[in-house]
Amino acid sequence: MIQEVKNDPQLIAYCGLYCGACRKYISGKCPSCKQIQGKHWCKIRTCNINQQFSSCADCALETPNACKKFNNPISKVFAFIFGSNREKCILTIRENGAVWYATHMAETGQQSLKGK
């Protein structure tokens, strides 16, 4: 049974990925980035929590890739493997807002915007 992708701005991960379209979230195996309890390995998540940001879209840096926490070797490997573009996600959130982004991602069933 395929479950519907939820439309909820709270399901936007701090890095711009959309948890609402993630298979682990949909299957109940992950509570979503913002709902994970306790310490977590993700430095992007920790930075956003410390800054009280809803995502990296709230950061004053001109481009997310200028941040060493955001643009790190692990993220580059994941981007290559999954064809994702978290920077494009963050810039799209800045341009259109979190509500529009969540709606778009839910309607298209995407976890990340693709390519450049």
PDB file of N, CA and C in Angstrom:
ATOM      1  N   MET A   1       0.838  -1.187   0.000  1.00  0.00           N
ATOM      2  CA  MET A   1       0.000   0.000   0.000  1.00  0.00           C
ATOM      3  C   MET A   1       0.886   1.254   0.000  1.00  0.00           C
ATOM      4  N   ILE A   2       0.746   2.086  -1.002  1.00  0.00           N
ATOM      5  CA  ILE A   2       1.528   3.315  -1.103  1.00  0.00           C
ATOM      6  C   ILE A   2       0.820   4.406  -0.312  1.00  0.00           C
ATOM      7  N   GLN A   3       1.563   5.012   0.595  1.00  0.00           N
ATOM      8  CA  GLN A   3       0.991   6.083   1.395  1.00  0.00           C
ATOM      9  C   GLN A   3       1.221   7.423   0.697  1.00  0.00           C
ATOM     10  N   GLU A   4       0.326   8.331   0.929  1.00  0.00           N
ATOM     11  CA  GLU A   4       0.409   9.654   0.341  1.00  0.00           C
ATOM     12  C   GLU A   4       1.522  10.472   1.019  1.00  0.00           C
ATOM     13  N   VAL A   5       2.194  11.287   0.236  1.00  0.00           N
ATOM     14  CA  VAL A   5       3.225  12.175   0.766  1.00  0.00           C
ATOM     15  C   VAL A   5       2.524  13.339   1.454  1.00  0.00           C
ATOM     16  N   LYS A   6       2.873  13.576   2.705  1.00  0.00           N
ATOM     17  CA  LYS A   6       2.256  14.656   3.477  1.00  0.00           C
ATOM     18  C   LYS A   6       2.779  16.015   3.023  1.00  0.00           C
ATOM     19  N   ASN A   7       1.902  16.989   3.065  1.00  0.00           N
ATOM     20  CA  ASN A   7       2.249  18.371   2.770  1.00  0.00           C
ATOM     21  C   ASN A   7       2.340  19.108   4.099  1.00  0.00           C
ATOM     22  N   ASP A   8       3.567  19.320   4.584  1.00  0.00           N
ATOM     23  CA  ASP A   8       3.759  19.937   5.888  1.00  0.00           C
ATOM     24  C   ASP A   8       5.117  20.630   5.931  1.00  0.00           C
ATOM     25  N   PRO A   9       5.154  21.958   6.050  1.00  0.00           N
ATOM     26  CA  PRO A   9       6.443  22.668   6.112  1.00  0.00           C
ATOM     27  C   PRO A   9       7.347  22.194   7.251  1.00  0.00           C
ATOM     28  N   GLN A  10       6.778  21.584   8.300  1.00  0.00           N
ATOM     29  CA  GLN A  10       7.596  21.057   9.389  1.00  0.00           C
ATOM     30  C   GLN A  10       8.386  19.820   8.963  1.00  0.00           C
ATOM     31  N   LEU A  11       8.059  19.277   7.799  1.00  0.00           N
ATOM     32  CA  LEU A  11       8.774  18.109   7.289  1.00  0.00           C
ATOM     33  C   LEU A  11       9.931  18.499   6.376  1.00  0.00           C
ATOM     34  N   ILE A  12      10.233  19.795   6.307  1.00  0.00           N
ATOM     35  CA  ILE A  12      11.419  20.245   5.580  1.00  0.00           C
ATOM     36  C   ILE A  12      12.604  20.098   6.530  1.00  0.00           C
ATOM     37  N   ALA A  13      13.565  19.286   6.132  1.00  0.00           N
ATOM     38  CA  ALA A  13      14.761  19.095   6.953  1.00  0.00           C
ATOM     39  C   ALA A  13      15.567  20.386   6.978  1.00  0.00           C
ATOM     40  N   TYR A  14      16.415  20.524   7.955  1.00  0.00           N
ATOM     41  CA  TYR A  14      17.228  21.728   8.087  1.00  0.00           C
ATOM     42  C   TYR A  14      18.067  21.994   6.846  1.00  0.00           C
ATOM     43  N   CYS A  15      18.493  20.937   6.152  1.00  0.00           N
ATOM     44  CA  CYS A  15      19.340  21.070   4.961  1.00  0.00           C
ATOM     45  C   CYS A  15      18.532  21.276   3.688  1.00  0.00           C
ATOM     46  N   GLY A  16      17.208  21.252   3.774  1.00  0.00           N
ATOM     47  CA  GLY A  16      16.372  21.492   2.613  1.00  0.00           C
ATOM     48  C   GLY A  16      15.753  20.255   1.999  1.00  0.00           C
ATOM     49  N   LEU A  17      16.191  19.069   2.403  1.00  0.00           N
ATOM     50  CA  LEU A  17      15.542  17.858   1.907  1.00  0.00           C
ATOM     51  C   LEU A  17      14.122  17.815   2.466  1.00  0.00           C
ATOM     52  N   TYR A  18      13.232  17.111   1.775  1.00  0.00           N
ATOM     53  CA  TYR A  18      11.846  17.041   2.222  1.00  0.00           C
ATOM     54  C   TYR A  18      11.556  15.672   2.823  1.00  0.00           C
ATOM     55  N   CYS A  19      11.523  15.610   4.142  1.00  0.00           N
ATOM     56  CA  CYS A  19      11.306  14.351   4.865  1.00  0.00           C
ATOM     57  C   CYS A  19       9.956  13.717   4.519  1.00  0.00           C
ATOM     58  N   GLY A  20       8.972  14.523   4.182  1.00  0.00           N
ATOM     59  CA  GLY A  20       7.645  14.005   3.886  1.00  0.00           C
ATOM     60  C   GLY A  20       7.615  13.031   2.722  1.00  0.00           C
ATOM     61  N   ALA A  21       8.607  13.095   1.842  1.00  0.00           N
ATOM     62  CA  ALA A  21       8.675  12.188   0.689  1.00  0.00           C
ATOM     63  C   ALA A  21       9.705  11.076   0.879  1.00  0.00           C
ATOM     64  N   CYS A  22      10.319  11.006   2.039  1.00  0.00           N
ATOM     65  CA  CYS A  22      11.345   9.994   2.327  1.00  0.00           C
ATOM     66  C   CYS A  22      10.675   8.656   2.649  1.00  0.00           C
ATOM     67  N   ARG A  23      11.189   7.590   2.066  1.00  0.00           N
ATOM     68  CA  ARG A  23      10.621   6.260   2.311  1.00  0.00           C
ATOM     69  C   ARG A  23      10.670   5.876   3.784  1.00  0.00           C
ATOM     70  N   LYS A  24      11.753   6.225   4.469  1.00  0.00           N
ATOM     71  CA  LYS A  24      11.850   5.878   5.896  1.00  0.00           C
ATOM     72  C   LYS A  24      10.788   6.615   6.710  1.00  0.00           C
ATOM     73  N   TYR A  25      10.548   7.872   6.388  1.00  0.00           N
ATOM     74  CA  TYR A  25       9.521   8.630   7.098  1.00  0.00           C
ATOM     75  C   TYR A  25       8.138   8.039   6.808  1.00  0.00           C
ATOM     76  N   ILE A  26       7.856   7.828   5.528  1.00  0.00           N
ATOM     77  CA  ILE A  26       6.547   7.315   5.122  1.00  0.00           C
ATOM     78  C   ILE A  26       6.267   5.954   5.751  1.00  0.00           C
ATOM     79  N   SER A  27       7.300   5.111   5.860  1.00  0.00           N
ATOM     80  CA  SER A  27       7.105   3.766   6.434  1.00  0.00           C
ATOM     81  C   SER A  27       7.120   3.763   7.963  1.00  0.00           C
ATOM     82  N   GLY A  28       7.332   4.932   8.581  1.00  0.00           N
ATOM     83  CA  GLY A  28       7.318   5.020  10.034  1.00  0.00           C
ATOM     84  C   GLY A  28       8.633   4.647  10.698  1.00  0.00           C
ATOM     85  N   LYS A  29       9.698   4.507   9.913  1.00  0.00           N
ATOM     86  CA  LYS A  29      11.002   4.130  10.468  1.00  0.00           C
ATOM     87  C   LYS A  29      11.837   5.328  10.905  1.00  0.00           C
ATOM     88  N   CYS A  30      11.397   6.530  10.580  1.00  0.00           N
ATOM     89  CA  CYS A  30      12.106   7.759  10.972  1.00  0.00           C
ATOM     90  C   CYS A  30      11.074   8.816  11.305  1.00  0.00           C
ATOM     91  N   PRO A  31      11.263   9.559  12.401  1.00  0.00           N
ATOM     92  CA  PRO A  31      10.277  10.568  12.788  1.00  0.00           C
ATOM     93  C   PRO A  31      10.394  11.872  12.003  1.00  0.00           C
ATOM     94  N   SER A  32      11.430  12.053  11.230  1.00  0.00           N
ATOM     95  CA  SER A  32      11.792  13.237  10.436  1.00  0.00           C
ATOM     96  C   SER A  32      12.930  13.964  11.147  1.00  0.00           C
ATOM     97  N   CYS A  33      13.652  14.711  10.397  1.00  0.00           N
ATOM     98  CA  CYS A  33      14.841  15.416  10.908  1.00  0.00           C
ATOM     99  C   CYS A  33      14.522  16.263  12.147  1.00  0.00           C
ATOM    100  N   LYS A  34      13.443  16.995  12.091  1.00  0.00           N
ATOM    101  CA  LYS A  34      13.112  17.919  13.181  1.00  0.00           C
ATOM    102  C   LYS A  34      12.523  17.223  14.399  1.00  0.00           C
ATOM    103  N   GLN A  35      12.118  15.962  14.270  1.00  0.00           N
ATOM    104  CA  GLN A  35      11.512  15.247  15.386  1.00  0.00           C
ATOM    105  C   GLN A  35      12.443  14.246  16.068  1.00  0.00           C
ATOM    106  N   ILE A  36      13.637  14.052  15.510  1.00  0.00           N
ATOM    107  CA  ILE A  36      14.597  13.142  16.144  1.00  0.00           C
ATOM    108  C   ILE A  36      14.961  13.713  17.510  1.00  0.00           C
ATOM    109  N   GLN A  37      14.936  12.885  18.516  1.00  0.00           N
ATOM    110  CA  GLN A  37      15.224  13.326  19.887  1.00  0.00           C
ATOM    111  C   GLN A  37      16.695  13.140  20.234  1.00  0.00           C
ATOM    112  N   GLY A  38      17.198  14.003  21.094  1.00  0.00           N
ATOM    113  CA  GLY A  38      18.557  13.873  21.609  1.00  0.00           C
ATOM    114  C   GLY A  38      19.621  14.330  20.624  1.00  0.00           C
ATOM    115  N   LYS A  39      20.852  14.013  20.958  1.00  0.00           N
ATOM    116  CA  LYS A  39      21.981  14.398  20.115  1.00  0.00           C
ATOM    117  C   LYS A  39      21.927  13.644  18.805  1.00  0.00           C
ATOM    118  N   HIS A  40      22.495  14.252  17.798  1.00  0.00           N
ATOM    119  CA  HIS A  40      22.479  13.677  16.464  1.00  0.00           C
ATOM    120  C   HIS A  40      23.791  14.007  15.782  1.00  0.00           C
ATOM    121  N   TRP A  41      24.206  13.156  14.866  1.00  0.00           N
ATOM    122  CA  TRP A  41      25.486  13.323  14.181  1.00  0.00           C
ATOM    123  C   TRP A  41      25.502  14.486  13.199  1.00  0.00           C
ATOM    124  N   CYS A  42      24.360  14.990  12.780  1.00  0.00           N
ATOM    125  CA  CYS A  42      24.293  15.986  11.718  1.00  0.00           C
ATOM    126  C   CYS A  42      24.649  17.386  12.229  1.00  0.00           C
ATOM    127  N   LYS A  43      25.752  17.922  11.725  1.00  0.00           N
ATOM    128  CA  LYS A  43      26.204  19.254  12.131  1.00  0.00           C
ATOM    129  C   LYS A  43      25.300  20.355  11.595  1.00  0.00           C
ATOM    130  N   ILE A  44      24.653  20.087  10.458  1.00  0.00           N
ATOM    131  CA  ILE A  44      23.707  21.064   9.898  1.00  0.00           C
ATOM    132  C   ILE A  44      22.518  21.205  10.846  1.00  0.00           C
ATOM    133  N   ARG A  45      22.015  20.099  11.317  1.00  0.00           N
ATOM    134  CA  ARG A  45      20.880  20.100  12.257  1.00  0.00           C
ATOM    135  C   ARG A  45      21.253  20.845  13.529  1.00  0.00           C
ATOM    136  N   THR A  46      22.410  20.522  14.090  1.00  0.00           N
ATOM    137  CA  THR A  46      22.873  21.157  15.322  1.00  0.00           C
ATOM    138  C   THR A  46      23.014  22.667  15.138  1.00  0.00           C
ATOM    139  N   CYS A  47      23.602  23.092  14.035  1.00  0.00           N
ATOM    140  CA  CYS A  47      23.774  24.518  13.752  1.00  0.00           C
ATOM    141  C   CYS A  47      22.423  25.231  13.676  1.00  0.00           C
ATOM    142  N   ASN A  48      21.466  24.630  12.949  1.00  0.00           N
ATOM    143  CA  ASN A  48      20.145  25.250  12.823  1.00  0.00           C
ATOM    144  C   ASN A  48      19.427  25.342  14.155  1.00  0.00           C
ATOM    145  N   ILE A  49      19.528  24.308  14.967  1.00  0.00           N
ATOM    146  CA  ILE A  49      18.899  24.335  16.290  1.00  0.00           C
ATOM    147  C   ILE A  49      19.532  25.430  17.147  1.00  0.00           C
ATOM    148  N   ASN A  50      20.864  25.508  17.136  1.00  0.00           N
ATOM    149  CA  ASN A  50      21.565  26.532  17.928  1.00  0.00           C
ATOM    150  C   ASN A  50      21.224  27.946  17.471  1.00  0.00           C
ATOM    151  N   GLN A  51      21.009  28.131  16.167  1.00  0.00           N
ATOM    152  CA  GLN A  51      20.683  29.453  15.619  1.00  0.00           C
ATOM    153  C   GLN A  51      19.172  29.739  15.656  1.00  0.00           C
ATOM    154  N   GLN A  52      18.392  28.730  16.035  1.00  0.00           N
ATOM    155  CA  GLN A  52      16.930  28.804  16.044  1.00  0.00           C
ATOM    156  C   GLN A  52      16.375  29.082  14.642  1.00  0.00           C
ATOM    157  N   PHE A  53      16.987  28.422  13.643  1.00  0.00           N
ATOM    158  CA  PHE A  53      16.536  28.508  12.257  1.00  0.00           C
ATOM    159  C   PHE A  53      15.567  27.373  11.984  1.00  0.00           C
ATOM    160  N   SER A  54      14.638  27.589  11.062  1.00  0.00           N
ATOM    161  CA  SER A  54      13.778  26.488  10.627  1.00  0.00           C
ATOM    162  C   SER A  54      14.476  25.667   9.548  1.00  0.00           C
ATOM    163  N   SER A  55      15.431  26.279   8.834  1.00  0.00           N
ATOM    164  CA  SER A  55      16.275  25.583   7.867  1.00  0.00           C
ATOM    165  C   SER A  55      17.441  26.503   7.505  1.00  0.00           C
ATOM    166  N   CYS A  56      18.347  26.002   6.701  1.00  0.00           N
ATOM    167  CA  CYS A  56      19.482  26.808   6.256  1.00  0.00           C
ATOM    168  C   CYS A  56      19.032  28.001   5.406  1.00  0.00           C
ATOM    169  N   ALA A  57      17.780  28.005   4.960  1.00  0.00           N
ATOM    170  CA  ALA A  57      17.243  29.144   4.209  1.00  0.00           C
ATOM    171  C   ALA A  57      17.220  30.403   5.064  1.00  0.00           C
ATOM    172  N   ASP A  58      17.226  30.255   6.382  1.00  0.00           N
ATOM    173  CA  ASP A  58      17.205  31.403   7.296  1.00  0.00           C
ATOM    174  C   ASP A  58      18.590  32.007   7.521  1.00  0.00           C
ATOM    175  N   CYS A  59      19.634  31.329   7.067  1.00  0.00           N
ATOM    176  CA  CYS A  59      21.006  31.780   7.286  1.00  0.00           C
ATOM    177  C   CYS A  59      21.325  32.993   6.414  1.00  0.00           C
ATOM    178  N   ALA A  60      22.179  33.870   6.935  1.00  0.00           N
ATOM    179  CA  ALA A  60      22.543  35.094   6.221  1.00  0.00           C
ATOM    180  C   ALA A  60      23.573  34.870   5.112  1.00  0.00           C
ATOM    181  N   LEU A  61      24.216  33.705   5.079  1.00  0.00           N
ATOM    182  CA  LEU A  61      25.178  33.455   4.007  1.00  0.00           C
ATOM    183  C   LEU A  61      24.478  33.530   2.659  1.00  0.00           C
ATOM    184  N   GLU A  62      25.152  34.127   1.684  1.00  0.00           N
ATOM    185  CA  GLU A  62      24.549  34.306   0.361  1.00  0.00           C
ATOM    186  C   GLU A  62      24.157  32.985  -0.287  1.00  0.00           C
ATOM    187  N   THR A  63      25.025  32.001  -0.138  1.00  0.00           N
ATOM    188  CA  THR A  63      24.760  30.688  -0.712  1.00  0.00           C
ATOM    189  C   THR A  63      25.075  29.611   0.316  1.00  0.00           C
ATOM    190  N   PRO A  64      24.240  28.597   0.438  1.00  0.00           N
ATOM    191  CA  PRO A  64      24.506  27.536   1.417  1.00  0.00           C
ATOM    192  C   PRO A  64      25.850  26.838   1.207  1.00  0.00           C
ATOM    193  N   ASN A  65      26.284  26.718  -0.045  1.00  0.00           N
ATOM    194  CA  ASN A  65      27.550  26.033  -0.300  1.00  0.00           C
ATOM    195  C   ASN A  65      28.761  26.785   0.231  1.00  0.00           C
ATOM    196  N   ALA A  66      28.572  28.031   0.675  1.00  0.00           N
ATOM    197  CA  ALA A  66      29.653  28.786   1.305  1.00  0.00           C
ATOM    198  C   ALA A  66      29.907  28.299   2.735  1.00  0.00           C
ATOM    199  N   CYS A  67      28.988  27.506   3.265  1.00  0.00           N
ATOM    200  CA  CYS A  67      29.089  26.989   4.635  1.00  0.00           C
ATOM    201  C   CYS A  67      29.773  25.623   4.625  1.00  0.00           C
ATOM    202  N   LYS A  68      30.798  25.482   5.451  1.00  0.00           N
ATOM    203  CA  LYS A  68      31.523  24.208   5.511  1.00  0.00           C
ATOM    204  C   LYS A  68      30.694  23.094   6.143  1.00  0.00           C
ATOM    205  N   LYS A  69      29.748  23.438   6.999  1.00  0.00           N
ATOM    206  CA  LYS A  69      28.870  22.416   7.582  1.00  0.00           C
ATOM    207  C   LYS A  69      27.904  21.889   6.527  1.00  0.00           C
ATOM    208  N   PHE A  70      27.411  22.776   5.693  1.00  0.00           N
ATOM    209  CA  PHE A  70      26.446  22.407   4.655  1.00  0.00           C
ATOM    210  C   PHE A  70      27.138  21.711   3.483  1.00  0.00           C
ATOM    211  N   ASN A  71      28.234  22.268   3.051  1.00  0.00           N
ATOM    212  CA  ASN A  71      28.957  21.781   1.874  1.00  0.00           C
ATOM    213  C   ASN A  71      30.170  20.973   2.321  1.00  0.00           C
ATOM    214  N   ASN A  72      29.932  19.720   2.695  1.00  0.00           N
ATOM    215  CA  ASN A  72      31.007  18.870   3.210  1.00  0.00           C
ATOM    216  C   ASN A  72      31.166  17.637   2.312  1.00  0.00           C
ATOM    217  N   PRO A  73      32.243  16.894   2.459  1.00  0.00           N
ATOM    218  CA  PRO A  73      32.481  15.736   1.587  1.00  0.00           C
ATOM    219  C   PRO A  73      31.350  14.696   1.605  1.00  0.00           C
ATOM    220  N   ILE A  74      30.766  14.441   2.760  1.00  0.00           N
ATOM    221  CA  ILE A  74      29.680  13.449   2.842  1.00  0.00           C
ATOM    222  C   ILE A  74      28.475  13.916   2.029  1.00  0.00           C
ATOM    223  N   SER A  75      28.151  15.198   2.122  1.00  0.00           N
ATOM    224  CA  SER A  75      26.999  15.702   1.370  1.00  0.00           C
ATOM    225  C   SER A  75      27.238  15.624  -0.131  1.00  0.00           C
ATOM    226  N   LYS A  76      28.478  15.795  -0.552  1.00  0.00           N
ATOM    227  CA  LYS A  76      28.796  15.699  -1.980  1.00  0.00           C
ATOM    228  C   LYS A  76      28.613  14.273  -2.483  1.00  0.00           C
ATOM    229  N   VAL A  77      28.988  13.295  -1.668  1.00  0.00           N
ATOM    230  CA  VAL A  77      28.802  11.889  -2.039  1.00  0.00           C
ATOM    231  C   VAL A  77      27.309  11.573  -2.152  1.00  0.00           C
ATOM    232  N   PHE A  78      26.521  11.981  -1.151  1.00  0.00           N
ATOM    233  CA  PHE A  78      25.077  11.746  -1.187  1.00  0.00           C
ATOM    234  C   PHE A  78      24.440  12.437  -2.391  1.00  0.00           C
ATOM    235  N   ALA A  79      24.862  13.665  -2.677  1.00  0.00           N
ATOM    236  CA  ALA A  79      24.309  14.393  -3.823  1.00  0.00           C
ATOM    237  C   ALA A  79      24.592  13.646  -5.121  1.00  0.00           C
ATOM    238  N   PHE A  80      25.792  13.108  -5.243  1.00  0.00           N
ATOM    239  CA  PHE A  80      26.159  12.370  -6.443  1.00  0.00           C
ATOM    240  C   PHE A  80      25.340  11.080  -6.567  1.00  0.00           C
ATOM    241  N   ILE A  81      25.261  10.324  -5.487  1.00  0.00           N
ATOM    242  CA  ILE A  81      24.553   9.044  -5.509  1.00  0.00           C
ATOM    243  C   ILE A  81      23.056   9.231  -5.783  1.00  0.00           C
ATOM    244  N   PHE A  82      22.443  10.197  -5.118  1.00  0.00           N
ATOM    245  CA  PHE A  82      21.000  10.367  -5.214  1.00  0.00           C
ATOM    246  C   PHE A  82      20.568  11.442  -6.210  1.00  0.00           C
ATOM    247  N   GLY A  83      21.520  12.133  -6.816  1.00  0.00           N
ATOM    248  CA  GLY A  83      21.176  13.178  -7.777  1.00  0.00           C
ATOM    249  C   GLY A  83      20.448  14.346  -7.144  1.00  0.00           C
ATOM    250  N   SER A  84      20.726  14.583  -5.867  1.00  0.00           N
ATOM    251  CA  SER A  84      20.025  15.652  -5.156  1.00  0.00           C
ATOM    252  C   SER A  84      20.827  16.951  -5.177  1.00  0.00           C
ATOM    253  N   ASN A  85      20.129  18.040  -4.962  1.00  0.00           N
ATOM    254  CA  ASN A  85      20.762  19.345  -4.924  1.00  0.00           C
ATOM    255  C   ASN A  85      20.176  20.134  -3.753  1.00  0.00           C
ATOM    256  N   ARG A  86      20.775  19.922  -2.579  1.00  0.00           N
ATOM    257  CA  ARG A  86      20.263  20.589  -1.376  1.00  0.00           C
ATOM    258  C   ARG A  86      20.390  22.104  -1.476  1.00  0.00           C
ATOM    259  N   GLU A  87      21.446  22.590  -2.125  1.00  0.00           N
ATOM    260  CA  GLU A  87      21.581  24.042  -2.274  1.00  0.00           C
ATOM    261  C   GLU A  87      20.398  24.603  -3.066  1.00  0.00           C
ATOM    262  N   LYS A  88      20.017  23.927  -4.143  1.00  0.00           N
ATOM    263  CA  LYS A  88      18.863  24.357  -4.924  1.00  0.00           C
ATOM    264  C   LYS A  88      17.598  24.340  -4.059  1.00  0.00           C
ATOM    265  N   CYS A  89      17.487  23.340  -3.195  1.00  0.00           N
ATOM    266  CA  CYS A  89      16.344  23.269  -2.275  1.00  0.00           C
ATOM    267  C   CYS A  89      16.302  24.501  -1.374  1.00  0.00           C
ATOM    268  N   ILE A  90      17.423  24.820  -0.749  1.00  0.00           N
ATOM    269  CA  ILE A  90      17.484  25.974   0.165  1.00  0.00           C
ATOM    270  C   ILE A  90      17.200  27.279  -0.569  1.00  0.00           C
ATOM    271  N   LEU A  91      17.790  27.455  -1.743  1.00  0.00           N
ATOM    272  CA  LEU A  91      17.556  28.688  -2.508  1.00  0.00           C
ATOM    273  C   LEU A  91      16.097  28.784  -2.963  1.00  0.00           C
ATOM    274  N   THR A  92      15.471  27.657  -3.261  1.00  0.00           N
ATOM    275  CA  THR A  92      14.059  27.640  -3.638  1.00  0.00           C
ATOM    276  C   THR A  92      13.175  28.003  -2.448  1.00  0.00           C
ATOM    277  N   ILE A  93      13.532  27.513  -1.266  1.00  0.00           N
ATOM    278  CA  ILE A  93      12.786  27.879  -0.053  1.00  0.00           C
ATOM    279  C   ILE A  93      12.900  29.383   0.183  1.00  0.00           C
ATOM    280  N   ARG A  94      14.101  29.922   0.024  1.00  0.00           N
ATOM    281  CA  ARG A  94      14.283  31.375   0.202  1.00  0.00           C
ATOM    282  C   ARG A  94      13.425  32.164  -0.778  1.00  0.00           C
ATOM    283  N   GLU A  95      13.392  31.712  -2.015  1.00  0.00           N
ATOM    284  CA  GLU A  95      12.684  32.440  -3.071  1.00  0.00           C
ATOM    285  C   GLU A  95      11.170  32.313  -2.958  1.00  0.00           C
ATOM    286  N   ASN A  96      10.666  31.117  -2.631  1.00  0.00           N
ATOM    287  CA  ASN A  96       9.226  30.858  -2.683  1.00  0.00           C
ATOM    288  C   ASN A  96       8.562  30.646  -1.329  1.00  0.00           C
ATOM    289  N   GLY A  97       9.353  30.415  -0.286  1.00  0.00           N
ATOM    290  CA  GLY A  97       8.803  30.180   1.045  1.00  0.00           C
ATOM    291  C   GLY A  97       8.618  28.702   1.346  1.00  0.00           C
ATOM    292  N   ALA A  98       8.593  28.382   2.631  1.00  0.00           N
ATOM    293  CA  ALA A  98       8.504  26.998   3.090  1.00  0.00           C
ATOM    294  C   ALA A  98       7.160  26.362   2.749  1.00  0.00           C
ATOM    295  N   VAL A  99       6.074  27.122   2.817  1.00  0.00           N
ATOM    296  CA  VAL A  99       4.753  26.568   2.525  1.00  0.00           C
ATOM    297  C   VAL A  99       4.687  26.155   1.058  1.00  0.00           C
ATOM    298  N   TRP A 100       5.153  27.023   0.155  1.00  0.00           N
ATOM    299  CA  TRP A 100       5.152  26.679  -1.273  1.00  0.00           C
ATOM    300  C   TRP A 100       6.033  25.462  -1.516  1.00  0.00           C
ATOM    301  N   TYR A 101       7.217  25.448  -0.917  1.00  0.00           N
ATOM    302  CA  TYR A 101       8.164  24.357  -1.121  1.00  0.00           C
ATOM    303  C   TYR A 101       7.575  23.022  -0.662  1.00  0.00           C
ATOM    304  N   ALA A 102       6.992  22.995   0.525  1.00  0.00           N
ATOM    305  CA  ALA A 102       6.391  21.759   1.041  1.00  0.00           C
ATOM    306  C   ALA A 102       5.268  21.287   0.121  1.00  0.00           C
ATOM    307  N   THR A 103       4.444  22.201  -0.344  1.00  0.00           N
ATOM    308  CA  THR A 103       3.359  21.854  -1.254  1.00  0.00           C
ATOM    309  C   THR A 103       3.908  21.266  -2.545  1.00  0.00           C
ATOM    310  N   HIS A 104       4.911  21.925  -3.108  1.00  0.00           N
ATOM    311  CA  HIS A 104       5.526  21.457  -4.359  1.00  0.00           C
ATOM    312  C   HIS A 104       6.140  20.066  -4.185  1.00  0.00           C
ATOM    313  N   MET A 105       6.875  19.874  -3.103  1.00  0.00           N
ATOM    314  CA  MET A 105       7.540  18.589  -2.878  1.00  0.00           C
ATOM    315  C   MET A 105       6.513  17.484  -2.633  1.00  0.00           C
ATOM    316  N   ALA A 106       5.441  17.792  -1.915  1.00  0.00           N
ATOM    317  CA  ALA A 106       4.395  16.795  -1.668  1.00  0.00           C
ATOM    318  C   ALA A 106       3.665  16.440  -2.966  1.00  0.00           C
ATOM    319  N   GLU A 107       3.371  17.450  -3.772  1.00  0.00           N
ATOM    320  CA  GLU A 107       2.674  17.202  -5.033  1.00  0.00           C
ATOM    321  C   GLU A 107       3.512  16.397  -6.019  1.00  0.00           C
ATOM    322  N   THR A 108       4.820  16.636  -6.026  1.00  0.00           N
ATOM    323  CA  THR A 108       5.702  15.939  -6.965  1.00  0.00           C
ATOM    324  C   THR A 108       6.294  14.674  -6.366  1.00  0.00           C
ATOM    325  N   GLY A 109       6.143  14.487  -5.043  1.00  0.00           N
ATOM    326  CA  GLY A 109       6.665  13.291  -4.372  1.00  0.00           C
ATOM    327  C   GLY A 109       8.184  13.249  -4.319  1.00  0.00           C
ATOM    328  N   GLN A 110       8.815  14.405  -4.343  1.00  0.00           N
ATOM    329  CA  GLN A 110      10.278  14.479  -4.335  1.00  0.00           C
ATOM    330  C   GLN A 110      10.818  14.698  -2.932  1.00  0.00           C
ATOM    331  N   GLN A 111      11.929  14.083  -2.648  1.00  0.00           N
ATOM    332  CA  GLN A 111      12.629  14.341  -1.396  1.00  0.00           C
ATOM    333  C   GLN A 111      13.631  15.477  -1.574  1.00  0.00           C
ATOM    334  N   SER A 112      14.089  15.681  -2.800  1.00  0.00           N
ATOM    335  CA  SER A 112      15.053  16.732  -3.102  1.00  0.00           C
ATOM    336  C   SER A 112      14.840  17.220  -4.517  1.00  0.00           C
ATOM    337  N   LEU A 113      15.157  18.484  -4.728  1.00  0.00           N
ATOM    338  CA  LEU A 113      15.211  18.974  -6.094  1.00  0.00           C
ATOM    339  C   LEU A 113      16.437  18.368  -6.742  1.00  0.00           C
ATOM    340  N   LYS A 114      16.385  18.166  -8.014  1.00  0.00           N
ATOM    341  CA  LYS A 114      17.455  17.460  -8.709  1.00  0.00           C
ATOM    342  C   LYS A 114      18.369  18.420  -9.459  1.00  0.00           C
ATOM    343  N   GLY A 115      19.569  17.946  -9.694  1.00  0.00           N
ATOM    344  CA  GLY A 115      20.533  18.617 -10.570  1.00  0.00           C
ATOM    345  C   GLY A 115      20.821  20.054 -10.243  1.00  0.00           C
ATOM    346  N   LYS A 116      21.267  20.746 -11.229  1.00  0.00           N
ATOM    347  CA  LYS A 116      21.668  22.151 -11.036  1.00  0.00           C
ATOM    348  C   LYS A 116      20.498  22.995 -11.305  1.00  0.00           C
TER     349      LYS A 116
END
